[in-house]
């Protein structure tokens, strides 16, 4: 191998190593690479922010496409618990998730803005809704 070929090879390997090391520091990027989209979505998601303030809401996406919405609230000092079940499915090439509640006549589609193993941001009716995985 000639000296000039060795230099080109050494520079190329250095660039590749530098590039790969740069990818390792971003947890969100690592999640996206190592986990499927379904793997990141499945689980319990706690409402953080959106169109309604101080809401104790959990969305639960299950591997078999079952869905649950769990809402707890206090009304005049009494604690209430409400759970509604349904099904979820991918839409628009997994860019959106469609939720149909049991007994409902319609379906609601949520655009996925961000999905990591710990953060979910959806858009519904022009409003952003942020969740954190429990």
Protein backbone atom coordinates (compact mmCIF):
# COMPACT_ATOMS: atom_id res chain seq x y z
CA UNK A 1 0.00 0.00 0.00
CA UNK A 2 1.38 3.38 -0.96
CA UNK A 3 1.83 6.12 1.61
CA UNK A 4 -0.84 8.33 -0.03
CA UNK A 5 -3.39 5.45 0.00
CA UNK A 6 -2.67 4.86 3.68
CA UNK A 7 -3.26 8.54 4.49
CA UNK A 8 -6.62 8.51 2.66
CA UNK A 9 -7.64 5.32 4.47
CA UNK A 10 -6.56 6.74 7.85
CA UNK A 11 -8.47 9.99 7.29
CA UNK A 12 -11.58 8.06 6.17
CA UNK A 13 -11.48 5.83 9.25
CA UNK A 14 -11.02 8.89 11.49
CA UNK A 15 -14.06 10.60 9.98
CA UNK A 16 -16.14 7.41 10.38
CA UNK A 17 -15.12 6.99 14.03
CA UNK A 18 -15.79 10.66 14.79
CA UNK A 19 -19.22 10.46 13.14
CA UNK A 20 -20.23 7.28 14.99
CA UNK A 21 -19.11 8.69 18.36
CA UNK A 22 -21.22 11.78 17.74
CA UNK A 23 -24.34 9.62 17.37
CA UNK A 24 -23.93 7.92 20.73
CA UNK A 25 -24.67 10.96 22.88
CA UNK A 26 -28.26 11.66 21.87
CA UNK A 27 -30.69 9.47 23.85
CA UNK A 28 -33.64 10.33 21.60
CA UNK A 29 -31.65 9.39 18.50
CA UNK A 30 -30.53 6.10 20.11
CA UNK A 31 -34.15 5.25 21.00
CA UNK A 32 -35.32 5.85 17.45
CA UNK A 33 -32.57 3.66 16.01
CA UNK A 34 -32.85 0.75 18.47
CA UNK A 35 -36.62 0.56 19.11
CA UNK A 36 -39.45 0.12 16.64
CA UNK A 37 -42.10 2.82 16.49
CA UNK A 38 -44.60 0.39 18.00
CA UNK A 39 -42.09 -0.48 20.74
CA UNK A 40 -41.79 3.19 21.64
CA UNK A 41 -45.57 3.80 21.58
CA UNK A 42 -46.67 0.79 23.66
CA UNK A 43 -47.04 1.64 27.36
CA UNK A 44 -48.67 4.13 29.71
CA UNK A 45 -48.36 7.82 28.86
CA UNK A 46 -49.11 10.53 31.44
CA UNK A 47 -50.50 13.86 30.23
CA UNK A 48 -48.05 16.73 30.75
CA UNK A 49 -49.44 19.69 28.84
CA UNK A 50 -51.95 20.61 26.20
CA UNK A 51 -55.21 22.49 25.77
CA UNK A 52 -56.38 21.74 29.34
CA UNK A 53 -54.45 22.65 32.48
CA UNK A 54 -54.01 20.33 35.47
CA UNK A 55 -55.48 17.19 34.02
CA UNK A 56 -54.69 13.74 35.45
CA UNK A 57 -54.96 11.72 32.25
CA UNK A 58 -53.19 8.57 31.09
CA UNK A 59 -53.26 7.04 27.61
CA UNK A 60 -52.38 3.36 27.56
CA UNK A 61 -51.35 1.79 24.25
CA UNK A 62 -51.05 -2.01 24.33
CA UNK A 63 -49.09 -4.27 21.98
CA UNK A 64 -52.28 -6.00 20.76
CA UNK A 65 -53.74 -2.59 19.74
CA UNK A 66 -55.99 -2.29 22.80
CA UNK A 67 -56.23 1.27 24.11
CA UNK A 68 -57.37 2.77 27.40
CA UNK A 69 -57.93 6.34 28.50
CA UNK A 70 -57.79 6.77 32.27
CA UNK A 71 -58.93 10.01 33.87
CA UNK A 72 -58.88 10.80 37.59
CA UNK A 73 -60.13 14.03 39.11
CA UNK A 74 -61.41 15.54 42.31
CA UNK A 75 -64.86 17.14 42.44
CA UNK A 76 -66.02 18.81 45.66
CA UNK A 77 -63.42 16.89 47.62
CA UNK A 78 -64.39 13.51 46.22
CA UNK A 79 -61.97 11.51 44.02
CA UNK A 80 -63.36 10.14 40.75
CA UNK A 81 -61.87 7.53 38.41
CA UNK A 82 -62.98 7.08 34.81
CA UNK A 83 -61.63 4.53 32.35
CA UNK A 84 -62.70 4.04 28.76
CA UNK A 85 -61.37 1.31 26.47
CA UNK A 86 -60.97 1.04 22.74
CA UNK A 87 -58.52 0.20 19.99
CA UNK A 88 -55.67 2.03 18.29
CA UNK A 89 -54.22 1.64 14.79
CA UNK A 90 -51.55 3.30 12.69
CA UNK A 91 -52.60 5.73 9.97
CA UNK A 92 -50.76 7.64 7.23
CA UNK A 93 -47.74 5.32 7.16
CA UNK A 94 -47.36 5.41 10.96
CA UNK A 95 -47.34 9.23 10.98
CA UNK A 96 -50.63 9.22 12.91
CA UNK A 97 -52.45 7.02 15.37
CA UNK A 98 -56.21 6.46 15.13
CA UNK A 99 -58.19 5.75 18.30
CA UNK A 100 -61.68 4.29 18.36
CA UNK A 101 -63.34 4.00 21.76
CA UNK A 102 -65.67 1.04 22.45
CA UNK A 103 -69.28 1.99 21.74
CA UNK A 104 -68.22 5.09 19.83
CA UNK A 105 -69.55 5.93 16.40
CA UNK A 106 -66.41 7.77 15.34
CA UNK A 107 -62.65 7.57 15.33
CA UNK A 108 -60.15 10.22 16.35
CA UNK A 109 -56.85 10.64 14.55
CA UNK A 110 -53.81 12.10 16.30
CA UNK A 111 -50.77 13.23 14.31
CA UNK A 112 -47.50 12.08 15.91
CA UNK A 113 -45.20 15.08 16.27
CA UNK A 114 -42.54 13.38 18.43
CA UNK A 115 -42.16 9.83 19.73
CA UNK A 116 -39.23 8.60 21.81
CA UNK A 117 -39.10 5.92 24.49
CA UNK A 118 -40.02 8.57 27.10
CA UNK A 119 -41.76 11.43 25.26
CA UNK A 120 -44.88 11.55 23.09
CA UNK A 121 -46.20 14.69 21.44
CA UNK A 122 -49.48 14.42 19.53
CA UNK A 123 -51.49 16.97 17.59
CA UNK A 124 -55.26 16.88 17.64
CA UNK A 125 -57.50 19.55 16.15
CA UNK A 126 -54.52 21.90 15.83
CA UNK A 127 -53.50 21.57 19.49
CA UNK A 128 -50.29 19.98 20.76
CA UNK A 129 -50.64 17.40 23.53
CA UNK A 130 -47.53 16.26 25.42
CA UNK A 131 -47.17 13.00 27.35
CA UNK A 132 -44.39 11.42 29.38
CA UNK A 133 -43.99 7.66 29.66
CA UNK A 134 -44.62 6.26 33.13
